[in-house]
Amino acid sequence: MTVQIDIRGNIGQQIKTIRQSLGLTLADVAKAINESEPLLSYYENNKRQQSVDILRKFLNFCDRVKKC
């Protein structure tokens, strides 16, 4: 089963919940998907609209972590 986000809900909170449930820090995710920590923090706190490309990279990374 893949990691999923419900676009009808609070996307930022879902990103944070998924990340924390996998035991990952913002730094872990930022490094893995080649994005900055502040940008990911803005996404998690809904201070910026989440980009589909970055959401895709985040979910793909989480799927790989989940399978380990």
Protein backbone atom coordinates (compact mmCIF):
# COMPACT_ATOMS: atom_id res chain seq x y z
CA MET A 1 0.00 0.00 0.00
CA THR A 2 1.32 3.42 -0.90
CA VAL A 3 1.39 6.54 1.24
CA GLN A 4 -1.49 8.82 0.26
CA ILE A 5 -2.69 12.34 0.94
CA ASP A 6 -6.36 13.36 0.90
CA ILE A 7 -6.46 16.61 -1.06
CA ARG A 8 -9.76 17.53 0.58
CA GLY A 9 -8.09 17.75 3.99
CA ASN A 10 -5.33 19.77 5.58
CA ILE A 11 -2.45 18.81 3.29
CA GLY A 12 0.25 20.41 5.44
CA GLN A 13 -0.85 18.52 8.55
CA GLN A 14 -1.00 15.27 6.59
CA ILE A 15 2.56 15.78 5.32
CA LYS A 16 3.78 16.37 8.86
CA THR A 17 1.88 13.38 10.25
CA ILE A 18 3.25 11.06 7.56
CA ARG A 19 6.81 12.32 8.07
CA GLN A 20 6.63 11.92 11.84
CA SER A 21 4.99 8.48 11.63
CA LEU A 22 8.00 7.32 9.62
CA GLY A 23 10.39 8.76 12.21
CA LEU A 24 11.81 11.31 9.79
CA THR A 25 12.98 14.86 10.45
CA LEU A 26 12.50 17.77 8.09
CA ALA A 27 16.23 17.55 7.42
CA ASP A 28 15.92 13.87 6.44
CA VAL A 29 13.17 14.57 3.94
CA ALA A 30 14.71 17.77 2.59
CA LYS A 31 17.99 16.03 1.86
CA ALA A 32 16.30 12.99 0.30
CA ILE A 33 14.10 14.97 -2.08
CA ASN A 34 16.62 17.77 -2.69
CA GLU A 35 14.50 20.60 -1.28
CA SER A 36 15.13 23.04 1.55
CA GLU A 37 13.99 22.54 5.14
CA PRO A 38 12.34 25.97 5.31
CA LEU A 39 10.29 25.21 2.19
CA LEU A 40 9.06 21.92 3.64
CA SER A 41 8.26 23.67 6.92
CA TYR A 42 6.18 26.24 5.04
CA TYR A 43 4.29 23.38 3.36
CA GLU A 44 3.68 21.60 6.66
CA ASN A 45 2.38 24.81 8.22
CA ASN A 46 0.28 25.74 5.17
CA LYS A 47 2.23 28.97 4.67
CA ARG A 48 2.76 28.09 1.01
CA GLN A 49 0.62 26.18 -1.42
CA GLN A 50 2.05 22.73 -1.91
CA SER A 51 3.49 22.01 -5.34
CA VAL A 52 2.32 18.82 -7.03
CA ASP A 53 5.91 18.03 -8.04
CA ILE A 54 7.22 18.27 -4.48
CA LEU A 55 4.25 16.34 -3.09
CA ARG A 56 5.01 13.59 -5.61
CA LYS A 57 8.69 13.51 -4.59
CA PHE A 58 7.70 13.45 -0.90
CA LEU A 59 5.21 10.59 -1.35
CA ASN A 60 7.60 8.54 -3.49
CA PHE A 61 10.33 8.95 -0.87
CA CYS A 62 7.95 7.97 1.94
CA ASP A 63 6.92 4.87 0.00
CA ARG A 64 10.56 3.83 -0.32
CA VAL A 65 11.17 4.41 3.41
CA LYS A 66 8.03 2.49 4.35
CA LYS A 67 9.21 -0.55 2.37
CA CYS A 68 12.58 -0.71 4.15
